[in-house]
Amino acid sequence: MSASSGGVPHEILWRAPRLTRPVDSEVSIPGSKSLTNRYLVLAALADGPCVLRRPLHSRDSALMIAALRALGAVIDELPGDGGFGPDLRVTPLRARSGDAHRSVDCGLAGTVMRFVPPLAGLISGTTTFDGDPHARRRPMGSIIDALRGLGVAIDDGGSGSLPFTVEGEGRVRGGRLVINASASSQFVSALLLVGARFTEGLQLEHVGKPVPSLDHVRMTVETLRSLGVTVDDSVPNHWHVSPGPIAAFDVAVEPDLSNAGPFLAAAVVTGGTVRVRNWPAGTTQVGDEWRRILPLMGAAASLDGDVLTVTGGASISGGTFADTSELAPTVAALCALADSPSTLTGIAHLRGHETDRLAALVAEINGLGGDAEETADGLVIRPAPLHGGTFRTYDDHRMATAGAIIGLAVDGVEVENIGTTAKTMPEFPELWAAMTGTAASVADPAGSGAHA
């Protein structure tokens, strides 16, 4: 039996709960993956010990913790009060000498494969990076070229992808660097996060097609500024990070607003109400866009204090949705259930995520009887009667949650490898069962109806 990257056999299918009544639930969401892994990198470079409260505990964050430990940071667990695992104390890494050789498993985590190599350039010794089989197909050329442009020796065998080896000398001069980050905003964030520790800081310029998911770059910039790092982003496609210290910090990580999306979508699908606790009043997370997107689909959304409440309407409206970034799989699932056509634009870069998300969404929506097609930079989804069947996930956590959303309205949807949600939300099956008032079950693909 083959196994997925999350350790769950591909052949095991999760029966998505079908609801014929409005959902009414209050949900607490684990910490943001994007913020957790940015804070972990910055803690490893900070002036002194740092504490992350209510961080995300998932496969991606565990891979980041293991990578930073391999480089020399000390990361200890502290008692937590958020209900989703321990807090973390990080003692920063220090430059090593000698010929140390270390290995980093990136899994499928883009933040690990892109954020950690520049960090390895600041540490003496050799660091080898590799990951899951699909990780070797994810775009990495811009980071490899950037490191070489900064004078860091890197051996990728000419592949421009994982696996590769970084030869660190304990320091990076920095200065002016030109890159093409049109495949992923993570290339920009990776360099900004470490730029203050370069001897001359960093003057970064992007050339090429627009950087996708600029909201994630803004998150990086604002996080750096909150820790005393001077970043000038006043000129489009240019970022200047001044050399200097990164202040030690004690911070509570915001809940992951992107991961809140499937639960909010449940209210839209069932015409019910879902409340998400601890929603920040101000945030750099792209998931805050749910407050704008869901009303366009016929729902009502209101923020009262730190509780976001979404109530679905009588039906789901399609429309045009631009630059939805990592929210796109959830938006696409809702569009597949809408009563009018939808167009998603500005998401061509999703072809280079955990899987080719555009091709995957088209294949799985159409496999259930839907009418979806790819465009140059997105998707067109038209109303069509859906039926049950297997919804494949391609080891992609957001494909798994998209299947769960469709299953709320369609009998007989079975999601392959629901365990892939462990990438950013290990608790998803349990939280989904609690919200829907059902018991999650696993079906035998041979049709025997056995449960596990």
Protein backbone atom coordinates (compact mmCIF):
# COMPACT_ATOMS: atom_id res chain seq x y z
CA MET A 1 0.00 0.00 0.00
CA SER A 2 1.41 3.36 -0.96
CA ALA A 3 1.58 6.12 1.61
CA SER A 4 1.19 9.84 1.27
CA SER A 5 3.64 12.42 2.56
CA GLY A 6 1.41 12.83 5.59
CA GLY A 7 1.63 9.13 6.44
CA VAL A 8 -1.96 8.26 5.43
CA PRO A 9 -2.46 5.56 2.78
CA HIS A 10 -3.73 7.00 -0.50
CA GLU A 11 -6.28 4.18 -0.85
CA ILE A 12 -8.11 5.18 2.33
CA LEU A 13 -11.04 7.44 1.54
CA TRP A 14 -12.70 9.86 3.94
CA ARG A 15 -16.46 10.12 3.58
CA ALA A 16 -17.21 13.83 3.51
CA PRO A 17 -20.23 14.58 5.72
CA ARG A 18 -23.32 15.58 3.69
CA LEU A 19 -25.56 18.05 5.51
CA THR A 20 -29.24 18.68 4.81
CA ARG A 21 -29.59 21.24 7.59
CA PRO A 22 -27.92 24.60 8.24
CA VAL A 23 -24.74 24.35 10.24
CA ASP A 24 -24.57 26.40 13.46
CA SER A 25 -21.16 26.30 15.07
CA GLU A 26 -18.37 28.24 16.76
CA VAL A 27 -14.86 27.28 15.73
CA SER A 28 -11.36 28.00 17.05
CA ILE A 29 -8.64 27.81 14.40
CA PRO A 30 -4.98 26.89 15.05
CA GLY A 31 -2.21 29.43 14.49
CA SER A 32 -1.15 30.84 11.13
CA LYS A 33 1.39 28.73 9.27
CA SER A 34 2.72 31.76 7.41
CA LEU A 35 3.29 33.75 10.59
CA THR A 36 4.55 30.78 12.65
CA ASN A 37 7.28 29.93 10.14
CA ARG A 38 8.27 33.57 9.61
CA TYR A 39 8.57 34.10 13.37
CA LEU A 40 10.59 30.89 13.73
CA VAL A 41 13.13 32.07 11.13
CA LEU A 42 13.37 35.51 12.73
CA ALA A 43 13.70 33.99 16.20
CA ALA A 44 16.67 31.98 14.95
CA LEU A 45 18.33 35.27 13.91
CA ALA A 46 17.21 37.46 16.82
CA ASP A 47 19.28 39.23 19.46
CA GLY A 48 18.15 36.91 22.22
CA PRO A 49 15.72 34.14 23.17
CA CYS A 50 12.20 34.48 21.75
CA VAL A 51 8.81 33.00 22.64
CA LEU A 52 6.04 32.07 20.21
CA ARG A 53 2.66 31.68 21.92
CA ARG A 54 -0.12 29.68 20.27
CA PRO A 55 2.06 28.76 17.25
CA LEU A 56 0.84 26.32 14.66
CA HIS A 57 1.81 22.69 15.22
CA SER A 58 1.61 20.94 11.86
CA ARG A 59 3.82 19.13 9.39
CA ASP A 60 5.07 22.39 7.86
CA SER A 61 5.95 23.95 11.22
CA ALA A 62 7.55 20.70 12.43
CA LEU A 63 9.74 20.65 9.31
CA MET A 64 10.75 24.28 9.96
CA ILE A 65 11.59 23.51 13.60
CA ALA A 66 13.70 20.51 12.55
CA ALA A 67 15.49 22.59 9.91
CA LEU A 68 16.38 25.36 12.36
CA ARG A 69 17.55 22.85 14.93
CA ALA A 70 19.80 21.31 12.28
CA LEU A 71 21.37 24.74 11.75
CA GLY A 72 21.98 25.17 15.47
CA ALA A 73 18.96 26.94 16.97
CA VAL A 74 17.62 25.53 20.23
CA ILE A 75 13.84 25.23 20.28
CA ASP A 76 12.10 24.14 23.49
CA GLU A 77 8.43 23.51 24.21
CA LEU A 78 6.64 25.45 26.95
CA PRO A 79 3.16 24.87 28.40
CA GLY A 80 0.59 26.49 26.12
CA ASP A 81 -2.87 27.86 26.79
CA GLY A 82 -4.33 27.98 23.28
CA GLY A 83 -5.66 24.43 23.16
CA PHE A 84 -3.56 23.53 20.10
CA GLY A 85 -0.26 22.47 21.64
CA PRO A 86 2.74 23.95 23.44
CA ASP A 87 4.29 27.37 23.10
CA LEU A 88 7.85 27.54 21.77
CA ARG A 89 11.02 29.16 23.13
CA VAL A 90 13.76 29.73 20.56
CA THR A 91 17.40 30.32 21.43
CA PRO A 92 18.99 31.87 18.32
CA LEU A 93 21.59 30.06 16.26
CA ARG A 94 25.13 31.28 16.23
CA ALA A 95 27.68 31.09 13.42
CA ARG A 96 29.54 27.79 13.49
CA SER A 97 33.05 27.02 12.35
CA GLY A 98 34.49 23.83 10.89
CA ASP A 99 33.17 21.47 8.29
CA ALA A 100 29.80 20.56 9.78
CA HIS A 101 27.48 18.77 7.38
CA ARG A 102 23.74 18.80 8.00
CA SER A 103 20.62 17.77 6.13
CA VAL A 104 17.24 19.49 5.93
CA ASP A 105 14.04 17.69 4.97
CA CYS A 106 11.75 20.28 3.31
CA GLY A 107 8.81 17.90 2.86
CA LEU A 108 6.40 19.88 0.67
CA ALA A 109 6.82 23.07 2.72
CA GLY A 110 7.57 26.02 0.47
CA THR A 111 8.55 28.13 3.47
CA VAL A 112 11.22 25.59 4.45
CA MET A 113 12.68 25.00 0.98
CA ARG A 114 12.81 28.76 0.29
CA PHE A 115 13.30 30.48 3.66
CA VAL A 116 15.99 28.23 5.13
CA PRO A 117 18.67 28.10 2.36
CA PRO A 118 19.55 31.82 2.74
CA LEU A 119 19.84 31.20 6.47
CA ALA A 120 22.22 28.30 5.78
CA GLY A 121 24.44 30.74 3.91
CA LEU A 122 25.02 32.56 7.21
CA ILE A 123 26.24 29.39 8.97
CA SER A 124 29.61 27.78 8.35
CA GLY A 125 29.44 24.32 6.88
CA THR A 126 27.47 22.32 4.35
CA THR A 127 23.69 21.95 4.35
CA THR A 128 21.88 19.60 1.99
CA PHE A 129 18.22 20.29 1.18
CA ASP A 130 15.73 17.76 -0.19
CA GLY A 131 12.05 16.95 0.24
CA ASP A 132 9.09 14.90 -0.90
CA PRO A 133 9.07 13.71 -4.53
CA HIS A 134 6.77 16.53 -5.67
CA ALA A 135 8.99 19.08 -3.90
CA ARG A 136 11.61 18.41 -6.59
CA ARG A 137 9.16 19.84 -9.14
CA ARG A 138 8.45 23.07 -7.27
CA PRO A 139 10.09 26.27 -8.59
CA MET A 140 13.41 26.91 -6.83
CA GLY A 141 15.59 28.55 -9.48
CA SER A 142 15.17 32.09 -8.16
CA ILE A 143 16.52 31.21 -4.70
CA ILE A 144 19.38 29.20 -6.15
CA ASP A 145 20.31 32.06 -8.49
CA ALA A 146 19.91 34.60 -5.67
CA LEU A 147 22.28 32.74 -3.37
CA ARG A 148 24.87 32.55 -6.11
CA GLY A 149 24.36 36.26 -6.77
CA LEU A 150 25.12 36.89 -3.11
CA GLY A 151 28.33 34.88 -3.33
CA VAL A 152 27.02 31.77 -1.58
CA ALA A 153 28.26 28.51 -3.08
CA ILE A 154 25.41 26.18 -4.01
CA ASP A 155 25.45 22.87 -5.88
CA ASP A 156 22.18 21.84 -7.53
CA GLY A 157 23.65 19.64 -10.23
CA GLY A 158 22.31 22.08 -12.80
CA SER A 159 18.69 21.16 -12.04
CA GLY A 160 17.50 24.48 -10.60
CA SER A 161 15.51 22.50 -8.05
CA LEU A 162 15.81 20.25 -5.02
CA PRO A 163 17.99 18.51 -4.00
CA PHE A 164 20.86 20.97 -3.59
CA THR A 165 23.68 21.76 -1.18
CA VAL A 166 24.56 25.14 0.33
CA GLU A 167 28.16 25.84 1.39
CA GLY A 168 27.96 28.49 4.09
CA GLU A 169 30.93 30.60 5.18
CA GLY A 170 29.40 32.16 8.29
CA ARG A 171 28.65 35.49 6.67
CA VAL A 172 26.98 36.94 3.57
CA ARG A 173 28.04 40.32 2.24
CA GLY A 174 24.63 41.25 0.80
CA GLY A 175 24.09 44.46 -1.15
CA ARG A 176 22.20 44.83 -4.42
CA LEU A 177 20.48 41.79 -5.88
CA VAL A 178 18.12 41.41 -8.85
CA ILE A 179 15.80 38.38 -9.03
CA ASN A 180 12.75 37.14 -10.90
CA ALA A 181 10.13 36.27 -8.29
CA SER A 182 7.22 35.84 -10.69
CA ALA A 183 6.85 32.16 -9.72
CA SER A 184 6.43 32.77 -5.99
CA SER A 185 6.38 35.63 -3.50
CA GLN A 186 8.29 33.34 -1.14
CA PHE A 187 11.47 34.12 -3.07
CA VAL A 188 11.18 37.76 -1.97
CA SER A 189 10.20 36.93 1.61
CA ALA A 190 13.05 34.43 1.95
CA LEU A 191 15.65 37.10 1.23
CA LEU A 192 13.96 39.88 3.20
CA LEU A 193 13.81 37.72 6.34
CA VAL A 194 17.60 37.36 6.49
CA GLY A 195 18.63 40.64 4.82
CA ALA A 196 19.24 42.51 8.07
CA ARG A 197 21.89 39.93 8.96
CA PHE A 198 23.84 40.49 5.75
CA THR A 199 26.92 42.63 6.28
CA GLU A 200 25.67 45.32 3.90
CA GLY A 201 21.97 44.61 4.27
CA LEU A 202 19.97 43.92 1.13
CA GLN A 203 18.79 46.00 -1.83
CA LEU A 204 16.44 43.63 -3.62
CA GLU A 205 14.85 44.27 -7.00
CA HIS A 206 12.31 42.10 -8.81
CA VAL A 207 12.21 42.03 -12.61
CA GLY A 208 9.75 40.05 -14.70
CA LYS A 209 6.04 39.36 -14.51
CA PRO A 210 4.25 40.63 -11.38
CA VAL A 211 5.08 38.99 -8.08
CA PRO A 212 2.09 36.83 -7.09
CA SER A 213 0.59 36.92 -3.59
CA LEU A 214 2.10 40.28 -2.68
CA ASP A 215 0.05 40.13 0.52
CA HIS A 216 2.57 37.59 1.80
CA VAL A 217 5.44 39.97 1.05
CA ARG A 218 3.59 42.70 2.95
CA MET A 219 3.23 40.26 5.86
CA THR A 220 7.00 39.72 5.83
CA VAL A 221 7.75 43.45 5.70
CA GLU A 222 5.37 44.31 8.54
CA THR A 223 6.68 41.46 10.69
CA LEU A 224 10.26 42.68 10.18
CA ARG A 225 9.29 46.26 11.05
CA SER A 226 7.57 45.08 14.22
CA LEU A 227 10.94 43.68 15.33
CA GLY A 228 12.87 46.87 14.68
CA VAL A 229 14.18 46.07 11.20
CA THR A 230 14.22 49.00 8.77
CA VAL A 231 12.60 48.07 5.46
CA ASP A 232 11.96 50.55 2.64
CA ASP A 233 9.39 49.28 0.13
CA SER A 234 8.31 52.69 -1.16
CA VAL A 235 9.35 51.90 -4.74
CA PRO A 236 7.33 49.10 -6.40
CA ASN A 237 9.32 45.87 -6.88
CA HIS A 238 12.19 47.23 -4.76
CA TRP A 239 12.93 46.42 -1.12
CA HIS A 240 15.80 47.84 0.92
CA VAL A 241 16.57 46.08 4.22
CA SER A 242 19.08 47.93 6.37
CA PRO A 243 21.69 45.87 8.22
CA GLY A 244 21.13 45.64 11.94
CA PRO A 245 19.73 43.63 14.82
CA ILE A 246 16.47 41.72 14.96
CA ALA A 247 14.88 42.36 18.35
CA ALA A 248 14.06 39.41 20.59
CA PHE A 249 10.30 38.98 20.97
CA ASP A 250 7.45 37.33 22.82
CA VAL A 251 4.47 37.14 20.46
CA ALA A 252 1.09 35.42 20.19
CA VAL A 253 0.55 33.99 16.72
CA GLU A 254 -2.74 34.91 15.03
CA PRO A 255 -5.08 32.07 14.03
CA ASP A 256 -4.72 30.96 10.41
CA LEU A 257 -7.41 32.92 8.57
CA SER A 258 -6.88 30.97 5.34
CA ASN A 259 -7.59 27.75 7.22
CA ALA A 260 -10.74 29.36 8.60
CA GLY A 261 -12.04 29.46 5.03
CA PRO A 262 -13.45 25.92 4.77
CA PHE A 263 -15.40 26.38 8.01
CA LEU A 264 -16.80 29.73 6.88
CA ALA A 265 -17.61 28.11 3.53
CA ALA A 266 -19.71 25.54 5.40
CA ALA A 267 -22.03 28.34 6.46
CA VAL A 268 -22.32 29.49 2.85
CA VAL A 269 -23.01 25.97 1.52
CA THR A 270 -25.63 25.04 4.12
CA GLY A 271 -27.24 28.45 4.62
CA GLY A 272 -26.14 28.27 8.24
CA THR A 273 -23.92 30.25 10.60
CA VAL A 274 -20.31 29.77 11.61
CA ARG A 275 -18.47 31.91 14.14
CA VAL A 276 -14.66 31.99 14.25
CA ARG A 277 -13.09 33.16 17.49
CA ASN A 278 -9.96 35.30 17.96
CA TRP A 279 -10.25 37.02 14.56
CA PRO A 280 -7.72 39.90 14.57
CA ALA A 281 -8.99 43.46 14.12
CA GLY A 282 -6.00 44.23 11.89
CA THR A 283 -3.87 41.68 10.07
CA THR A 284 -1.58 41.12 7.10
CA GLN A 285 -3.07 37.68 6.42
CA VAL A 286 -4.76 37.19 3.05
CA GLY A 287 -7.47 35.19 4.84
CA ASP A 288 -8.99 38.44 6.07
CA GLU A 289 -10.30 38.71 2.51
CA TRP A 290 -13.06 36.26 3.48
CA ARG A 291 -14.90 39.27 4.90
CA ARG A 292 -15.00 40.73 1.39
CA ILE A 293 -15.29 37.57 -0.73
CA LEU A 294 -18.11 35.71 1.01
CA PRO A 295 -20.64 38.58 0.83
CA LEU A 296 -20.04 38.61 -2.95
CA MET A 297 -21.27 35.01 -2.92
CA GLY A 298 -24.51 35.86 -1.12
CA ALA A 299 -23.43 35.47 2.51
CA ALA A 300 -23.39 37.97 5.37
CA ALA A 301 -20.14 38.56 7.27
CA SER A 302 -19.68 40.67 10.40
CA LEU A 303 -16.87 41.15 12.89
CA ASP A 304 -17.98 41.80 16.46
CA GLY A 305 -15.02 42.19 18.76
CA ASP A 306 -12.82 39.20 17.93
CA VAL A 307 -15.59 36.96 16.58
CA LEU A 308 -16.22 36.77 12.84
CA THR A 309 -19.72 35.54 12.02
CA VAL A 310 -20.67 34.33 8.56
CA THR A 311 -24.24 33.38 7.65
CA GLY A 312 -25.07 31.83 4.31
CA GLY A 313 -27.80 33.07 2.01
CA ALA A 314 -30.53 31.21 0.14
CA SER A 315 -28.10 30.29 -2.64
CA ILE A 316 -24.46 30.71 -3.65
CA SER A 317 -23.71 33.39 -6.23
CA GLY A 318 -20.89 33.06 -8.73
CA GLY A 319 -18.86 36.01 -9.90
CA THR A 320 -15.38 37.22 -10.76
CA PHE A 321 -12.73 36.75 -8.10
CA ALA A 322 -9.25 38.18 -8.63
CA ASP A 323 -5.97 37.37 -6.88
CA THR A 324 -7.43 34.98 -4.32
CA SER A 325 -4.03 33.32 -3.82
CA GLU A 326 -4.13 30.42 -1.34
CA LEU A 327 -7.86 31.00 -0.83
CA ALA A 328 -8.54 29.90 -4.42
CA PRO A 329 -9.26 26.19 -3.78
CA THR A 330 -11.94 27.10 -1.23
CA VAL A 331 -13.37 29.77 -3.54
CA ALA A 332 -13.38 27.25 -6.42
CA ALA A 333 -15.24 24.68 -4.32
CA LEU A 334 -17.94 27.25 -3.56
CA CYS A 335 -18.08 28.27 -7.23
CA ALA A 336 -18.66 24.63 -8.20
CA LEU A 337 -21.84 24.80 -6.06
CA ALA A 338 -22.92 28.27 -7.25
CA ASP A 339 -25.98 29.01 -9.35
CA SER A 340 -24.14 31.26 -11.83
CA PRO A 341 -20.77 31.16 -13.62
CA SER A 342 -17.54 32.21 -11.95
CA THR A 343 -14.13 33.35 -13.12
CA LEU A 344 -11.00 33.21 -10.96
CA THR A 345 -8.09 35.30 -12.22
CA GLY A 346 -4.55 36.17 -11.16
CA ILE A 347 -3.71 32.71 -9.81
CA ALA A 348 -1.45 31.20 -12.50
CA HIS A 349 1.25 30.76 -9.84
CA LEU A 350 -0.88 28.06 -8.17
CA ARG A 351 0.44 25.69 -10.82
CA GLY A 352 3.69 25.65 -8.82
CA HIS A 353 2.24 24.97 -5.36
CA GLU A 354 2.02 21.61 -3.56
CA THR A 355 0.50 20.36 -6.79
CA ASP A 356 -0.67 22.10 -9.96
CA ARG A 357 -3.77 23.37 -8.20
CA LEU A 358 -5.47 24.67 -11.32
CA ALA A 359 -5.23 21.35 -13.15
CA ALA A 360 -6.16 19.47 -9.97
CA LEU A 361 -9.26 21.56 -9.29
CA VAL A 362 -10.47 21.19 -12.87
CA ALA A 363 -9.91 17.43 -12.82
CA GLU A 364 -11.66 16.85 -9.50
CA ILE A 365 -14.60 19.23 -10.03
CA ASN A 366 -15.21 17.75 -13.48
CA GLY A 367 -14.78 14.25 -12.08
CA LEU A 368 -17.85 14.90 -9.94
CA GLY A 369 -19.86 16.11 -12.94
CA GLY A 370 -18.84 19.77 -12.79
CA ASP A 371 -17.96 22.17 -15.58
CA ALA A 372 -14.58 23.77 -14.94
CA GLU A 373 -11.73 24.74 -17.23
CA GLU A 374 -8.33 26.35 -16.96
CA THR A 375 -7.46 29.72 -18.39
CA ALA A 376 -4.02 31.27 -18.75
CA ASP A 377 -4.18 32.75 -15.25
CA GLY A 378 -7.04 31.01 -13.49
CA LEU A 379 -10.29 29.09 -13.81
CA VAL A 380 -13.76 29.34 -15.28
CA ILE A 381 -16.42 27.36 -13.40
CA ARG A 382 -19.98 27.03 -14.65
CA PRO A 383 -23.03 25.60 -12.84
CA ALA A 384 -23.55 21.87 -13.33
CA PRO A 385 -25.25 19.10 -11.32
CA LEU A 386 -22.65 17.30 -9.23
CA HIS A 387 -22.61 13.67 -8.15
CA GLY A 388 -20.63 11.60 -5.69
CA GLY A 389 -17.23 10.06 -6.32
CA THR A 390 -13.61 10.14 -5.24
CA PHE A 391 -12.03 13.58 -4.82
CA ARG A 392 -8.28 13.20 -5.14
CA THR A 393 -5.97 15.49 -3.17
CA TYR A 394 -2.51 15.08 -4.75
CA ASP A 395 -0.93 15.42 -1.28
CA ASP A 396 -2.31 18.99 -1.17
CA HIS A 397 -4.05 20.09 2.02
CA ARG A 398 -6.19 22.69 0.29
CA MET A 399 -7.45 20.15 -2.23
CA ALA A 400 -8.56 17.99 0.70
CA THR A 401 -10.56 20.79 2.30
CA ALA A 402 -12.07 21.72 -1.08
CA GLY A 403 -13.41 18.18 -1.35
CA ALA A 404 -14.88 18.42 2.13
CA ILE A 405 -16.72 21.63 1.19
CA ILE A 406 -18.27 20.09 -1.92
CA GLY A 407 -19.22 17.02 0.10
CA LEU A 408 -21.44 19.14 2.33
CA ALA A 409 -23.87 19.54 -0.59
CA VAL A 410 -23.24 16.39 -2.65
CA ASP A 411 -23.96 12.83 -1.54
CA GLY A 412 -21.18 10.28 -1.76
CA VAL A 413 -18.07 12.46 -1.99
CA GLU A 414 -15.07 10.54 -0.68
CA VAL A 415 -11.87 12.49 -0.18
CA GLU A 416 -8.60 10.69 -0.79
CA ASN A 417 -6.01 11.12 1.97
CA ILE A 418 -7.73 13.60 4.29
CA GLY A 419 -4.60 13.24 6.43
CA THR A 420 -2.76 15.57 4.06
CA THR A 421 -4.46 18.41 5.99
CA ALA A 422 -1.78 17.76 8.63
CA LYS A 423 0.45 20.02 6.53
CA THR A 424 -1.18 23.06 8.12
CA MET A 425 -4.10 21.80 10.26
CA PRO A 426 -3.78 18.29 11.74
CA GLU A 427 -7.03 18.77 13.64
CA PHE A 428 -9.12 19.32 10.50
CA PRO A 429 -11.06 16.01 10.47
CA GLU A 430 -11.97 16.37 14.14
CA LEU A 431 -12.90 20.06 13.84
CA TRP A 432 -14.99 19.29 10.74
CA ALA A 433 -16.80 16.46 12.51
CA ALA A 434 -17.49 18.68 15.51
CA MET A 435 -18.81 21.50 13.32
CA THR A 436 -21.06 19.22 11.28
CA GLY A 437 -22.17 17.10 14.22
CA THR A 438 -21.05 13.95 12.43
CA ALA A 439 -18.47 11.24 12.89
CA ALA A 440 -15.79 11.24 10.22
CA SER A 441 -15.51 7.85 8.54
CA VAL A 442 -13.14 6.14 6.18
CA ALA A 443 -14.43 4.02 3.31
CA ASP A 444 -12.97 0.92 1.71
CA PRO A 445 -12.25 1.81 -1.94
CA ALA A 446 -13.11 -1.75 -2.94
CA GLY A 447 -16.68 -1.00 -1.97
CA SER A 448 -17.05 -3.30 1.05
CA GLY A 449 -18.25 -0.40 3.18
CA ALA A 450 -15.75 -1.16 5.95
CA HIS A 451 -14.90 1.65 8.35
CA ALA A 452 -11.65 2.40 10.09
